């Protein structure tokens, strides 16, 4: 099981045995605690979340 965050939209997806599903957008708590927008910006993305 792999989890992904789309650095443009903030959509969380997961992948199992090569099949990927969009699951949900990041929660407000996740945005504050984990600060994914900052990590995405460091990698050269322009997040919209």
PDB file of N, CA and C in Angstrom:
ATOM      1  N   UNK A   1       0.854  -1.171   0.000  1.00  0.00           N
ATOM      2  CA  UNK A   1       0.000   0.000   0.000  1.00  0.00           C
ATOM      3  C   UNK A   1       0.896   1.228   0.000  1.00  0.00           C
ATOM      4  N   UNK A   2       0.744   2.072  -0.998  1.00  0.00           N
ATOM      5  CA  UNK A   2       1.479   3.325  -1.090  1.00  0.00           C
ATOM      6  C   UNK A   2       0.483   4.473  -1.066  1.00  0.00           C
ATOM      7  N   UNK A   3       0.837   5.546  -0.366  1.00  0.00           N
ATOM      8  CA  UNK A   3       0.018   6.758  -0.327  1.00  0.00           C
ATOM      9  C   UNK A   3       0.750   7.872  -1.055  1.00  0.00           C
ATOM     10  N   UNK A   4       0.007   8.685  -1.799  1.00  0.00           N
ATOM     11  CA  UNK A   4       0.570   9.786  -2.565  1.00  0.00           C
ATOM     12  C   UNK A   4      -0.211  11.061  -2.285  1.00  0.00           C
ATOM     13  N   UNK A   5       0.475  12.199  -2.397  1.00  0.00           N
ATOM     14  CA  UNK A   5      -0.184  13.498  -2.338  1.00  0.00           C
ATOM     15  C   UNK A   5       0.129  14.215  -3.643  1.00  0.00           C
ATOM     16  N   UNK A   6      -0.900  14.619  -4.368  1.00  0.00           N
ATOM     17  CA  UNK A   6      -0.724  15.393  -5.589  1.00  0.00           C
ATOM     18  C   UNK A   6      -0.313  16.798  -5.173  1.00  0.00           C
ATOM     19  N   UNK A   7       0.875  17.219  -5.569  1.00  0.00           N
ATOM     20  CA  UNK A   7       1.416  18.505  -5.119  1.00  0.00           C
ATOM     21  C   UNK A   7       0.772  19.704  -5.806  1.00  0.00           C
ATOM     22  N   UNK A   8      -0.160  19.501  -6.702  1.00  0.00           N
ATOM     23  CA  UNK A   8      -0.886  20.609  -7.298  1.00  0.00           C
ATOM     24  C   UNK A   8      -2.245  20.785  -6.634  1.00  0.00           C
ATOM     25  N   UNK A   9      -2.978  19.686  -6.490  1.00  0.00           N
ATOM     26  CA  UNK A   9      -4.352  19.764  -5.984  1.00  0.00           C
ATOM     27  C   UNK A   9      -4.496  19.432  -4.508  1.00  0.00           C
ATOM     28  N   UNK A  10      -3.530  18.707  -3.946  1.00  0.00           N
ATOM     29  CA  UNK A  10      -3.633  18.278  -2.556  1.00  0.00           C
ATOM     30  C   UNK A  10      -4.473  17.030  -2.377  1.00  0.00           C
ATOM     31  N   UNK A  11      -4.775  16.345  -3.475  1.00  0.00           N
ATOM     32  CA  UNK A  11      -5.561  15.114  -3.422  1.00  0.00           C
ATOM     33  C   UNK A  11      -4.675  13.970  -2.941  1.00  0.00           C
ATOM     34  N   UNK A  12      -5.190  13.202  -1.979  1.00  0.00           N
ATOM     35  CA  UNK A  12      -4.492  12.022  -1.483  1.00  0.00           C
ATOM     36  C   UNK A  12      -4.963  10.822  -2.293  1.00  0.00           C
ATOM     37  N   UNK A  13      -4.024  10.031  -2.766  1.00  0.00           N
ATOM     38  CA  UNK A  13      -4.335   8.814  -3.511  1.00  0.00           C
ATOM     39  C   UNK A  13      -3.615   7.655  -2.864  1.00  0.00           C
ATOM     40  N   UNK A  14      -4.119   6.458  -3.102  1.00  0.00           N
ATOM     41  CA  UNK A  14      -3.398   5.287  -2.639  1.00  0.00           C
ATOM     42  C   UNK A  14      -3.306   4.270  -3.760  1.00  0.00           C
ATOM     43  N   UNK A  15      -2.267   3.438  -3.670  1.00  0.00           N
ATOM     44  CA  UNK A  15      -2.012   2.445  -4.697  1.00  0.00           C
ATOM     45  C   UNK A  15      -1.827   1.087  -4.044  1.00  0.00           C
ATOM     46  N   UNK A  16      -2.495   0.092  -4.601  1.00  0.00           N
ATOM     47  CA  UNK A  16      -2.377  -1.286  -4.136  1.00  0.00           C
ATOM     48  C   UNK A  16      -2.157  -2.165  -5.365  1.00  0.00           C
ATOM     49  N   UNK A  17      -1.080  -2.905  -5.374  1.00  0.00           N
ATOM     50  CA  UNK A  17      -0.773  -3.818  -6.480  1.00  0.00           C
ATOM     51  C   UNK A  17      -0.886  -3.143  -7.839  1.00  0.00           C
ATOM     52  N   UNK A  18      -0.359  -1.928  -7.945  1.00  0.00           N
ATOM     53  CA  UNK A  18      -0.308  -1.232  -9.221  1.00  0.00           C
ATOM     54  C   UNK A  18      -1.566  -0.483  -9.621  1.00  0.00           C
ATOM     55  N   UNK A  19      -2.620  -0.544  -8.833  1.00  0.00           N
ATOM     56  CA  UNK A  19      -3.829   0.218  -9.144  1.00  0.00           C
ATOM     57  C   UNK A  19      -3.938   1.381  -8.179  1.00  0.00           C
ATOM     58  N   UNK A  20      -4.171   2.578  -8.730  1.00  0.00           N
ATOM     59  CA  UNK A  20      -4.218   3.788  -7.912  1.00  0.00           C
ATOM     60  C   UNK A  20      -5.633   4.357  -7.883  1.00  0.00           C
ATOM     61  N   UNK A  21      -6.044   4.825  -6.697  1.00  0.00           N
ATOM     62  CA  UNK A  21      -7.356   5.458  -6.504  1.00  0.00           C
ATOM     63  C   UNK A  21      -7.181   6.799  -5.811  1.00  0.00           C
ATOM     64  N   UNK A  22      -7.869   7.823  -6.339  1.00  0.00           N
ATOM     65  CA  UNK A  22      -7.950   9.107  -5.640  1.00  0.00           C
ATOM     66  C   UNK A  22      -8.874   8.903  -4.454  1.00  0.00           C
ATOM     67  N   UNK A  23      -8.467   9.412  -3.299  1.00  0.00           N
ATOM     68  CA  UNK A  23      -9.229   9.135  -2.098  1.00  0.00           C
ATOM     69  C   UNK A  23      -9.921  10.378  -1.567  1.00  0.00           C
ATOM     70  N   UNK A  24      -9.160  11.418  -1.213  1.00  0.00           N
ATOM     71  CA  UNK A  24      -9.749  12.622  -0.624  1.00  0.00           C
ATOM     72  C   UNK A  24      -8.719  13.737  -0.640  1.00  0.00           C
ATOM     73  N   UNK A  25      -9.180  14.949  -0.350  1.00  0.00           N
ATOM     74  CA  UNK A  25      -8.261  16.074  -0.208  1.00  0.00           C
ATOM     75  C   UNK A  25      -7.670  16.063   1.192  1.00  0.00           C
ATOM     76  N   UNK A  26      -6.524  16.686   1.349  1.00  0.00           N
ATOM     77  CA  UNK A  26      -5.895  16.777   2.664  1.00  0.00           C
ATOM     78  C   UNK A  26      -6.788  17.547   3.626  1.00  0.00           C
ATOM     79  N   UNK A  27      -6.833  17.115   4.866  1.00  0.00           N
ATOM     80  CA  UNK A  27      -7.644  17.798   5.881  1.00  0.00           C
ATOM     81  C   UNK A  27      -6.933  19.066   6.348  1.00  0.00           C
ATOM     82  N   UNK A  28      -7.678  19.952   6.958  1.00  0.00           N
ATOM     83  CA  UNK A  28      -7.089  21.169   7.513  1.00  0.00           C
ATOM     84  C   UNK A  28      -6.019  20.863   8.539  1.00  0.00           C
ATOM     85  N   UNK A  29      -6.259  19.849   9.355  1.00  0.00           N
ATOM     86  CA  UNK A  29      -5.272  19.445  10.362  1.00  0.00           C
ATOM     87  C   UNK A  29      -3.985  18.959   9.694  1.00  0.00           C
ATOM     88  N   UNK A  30      -4.113  18.142   8.658  1.00  0.00           N
ATOM     89  CA  UNK A  30      -2.930  17.632   7.959  1.00  0.00           C
ATOM     90  C   UNK A  30      -2.130  18.776   7.336  1.00  0.00           C
ATOM     91  N   UNK A  31      -2.827  19.783   6.817  1.00  0.00           N
ATOM     92  CA  UNK A  31      -2.135  20.927   6.220  1.00  0.00           C
ATOM     93  C   UNK A  31      -1.320  21.693   7.256  1.00  0.00           C
ATOM     94  N   UNK A  32      -1.847  21.814   8.479  1.00  0.00           N
ATOM     95  CA  UNK A  32      -1.160  22.555   9.538  1.00  0.00           C
ATOM     96  C   UNK A  32      -0.029  21.733  10.146  1.00  0.00           C
ATOM     97  N   UNK A  33      -0.311  20.477  10.448  1.00  0.00           N
ATOM     98  CA  UNK A  33       0.665  19.642  11.158  1.00  0.00           C
ATOM     99  C   UNK A  33       1.808  19.204  10.253  1.00  0.00           C
ATOM    100  N   UNK A  34       1.501  18.716   9.058  1.00  0.00           N
ATOM    101  CA  UNK A  34       2.525  18.126   8.189  1.00  0.00           C
ATOM    102  C   UNK A  34       3.102  19.109   7.171  1.00  0.00           C
ATOM    103  N   UNK A  35       2.416  20.226   6.938  1.00  0.00           N
ATOM    104  CA  UNK A  35       2.849  21.281   6.018  1.00  0.00           C
ATOM    105  C   UNK A  35       3.283  20.756   4.641  1.00  0.00           C
ATOM    106  N   UNK A  36       2.413  20.025   3.964  1.00  0.00           N
ATOM    107  CA  UNK A  36       2.784  19.476   2.661  1.00  0.00           C
ATOM    108  C   UNK A  36       3.010  20.543   1.593  1.00  0.00           C
ATOM    109  N   UNK A  37       2.343  21.692   1.705  1.00  0.00           N
ATOM    110  CA  UNK A  37       2.536  22.747   0.704  1.00  0.00           C
ATOM    111  C   UNK A  37       3.985  23.216   0.692  1.00  0.00           C
ATOM    112  N   UNK A  38       4.587  23.357   1.859  1.00  0.00           N
ATOM    113  CA  UNK A  38       5.986  23.781   1.930  1.00  0.00           C
ATOM    114  C   UNK A  38       6.904  22.736   1.309  1.00  0.00           C
ATOM    115  N   UNK A  39       6.639  21.469   1.565  1.00  0.00           N
ATOM    116  CA  UNK A  39       7.451  20.395   0.984  1.00  0.00           C
ATOM    117  C   UNK A  39       7.311  20.383  -0.537  1.00  0.00           C
ATOM    118  N   UNK A  40       6.095  20.596  -1.034  1.00  0.00           N
ATOM    119  CA  UNK A  40       5.875  20.627  -2.479  1.00  0.00           C
ATOM    120  C   UNK A  40       6.594  21.814  -3.117  1.00  0.00           C
ATOM    121  N   UNK A  41       6.548  22.975  -2.470  1.00  0.00           N
ATOM    122  CA  UNK A  41       7.242  24.155  -2.994  1.00  0.00           C
ATOM    123  C   UNK A  41       8.744  23.919  -3.068  1.00  0.00           C
ATOM    124  N   UNK A  42       9.308  23.245  -2.074  1.00  0.00           N
ATOM    125  CA  UNK A  42      10.747  22.936  -2.098  1.00  0.00           C
ATOM    126  C   UNK A  42      11.110  22.042  -3.280  1.00  0.00           C
ATOM    127  N   UNK A  43      10.147  21.249  -3.744  1.00  0.00           N
ATOM    128  CA  UNK A  43      10.386  20.348  -4.876  1.00  0.00           C
ATOM    129  C   UNK A  43      10.041  21.000  -6.216  1.00  0.00           C
ATOM    130  N   UNK A  44       9.648  22.287  -6.194  1.00  0.00           N
ATOM    131  CA  UNK A  44       9.400  23.019  -7.427  1.00  0.00           C
ATOM    132  C   UNK A  44       7.955  23.070  -7.892  1.00  0.00           C
ATOM    133  N   UNK A  45       7.012  22.627  -7.078  1.00  0.00           N
ATOM    134  CA  UNK A  45       5.599  22.668  -7.436  1.00  0.00           C
ATOM    135  C   UNK A  45       4.962  23.947  -6.904  1.00  0.00           C
ATOM    136  N   UNK A  46       3.835  24.330  -7.498  1.00  0.00           N
ATOM    137  CA  UNK A  46       3.047  25.470  -7.030  1.00  0.00           C
ATOM    138  C   UNK A  46       1.707  24.945  -6.532  1.00  0.00           C
ATOM    139  N   UNK A  47       1.626  24.565  -5.261  1.00  0.00           N
ATOM    140  CA  UNK A  47       0.390  23.964  -4.752  1.00  0.00           C
ATOM    141  C   UNK A  47      -0.785  24.939  -4.724  1.00  0.00           C
ATOM    142  N   UNK A  48      -1.983  24.412  -4.994  1.00  0.00           N
ATOM    143  CA  UNK A  48      -3.229  25.188  -4.944  1.00  0.00           C
ATOM    144  C   UNK A  48      -4.017  24.882  -3.682  1.00  0.00           C
ATOM    145  N   UNK A  49      -3.371  24.325  -2.668  1.00  0.00           N
ATOM    146  CA  UNK A  49      -4.087  23.976  -1.441  1.00  0.00           C
ATOM    147  C   UNK A  49      -3.478  24.691  -0.271  1.00  0.00           C
TER     148      UNK A  49
END
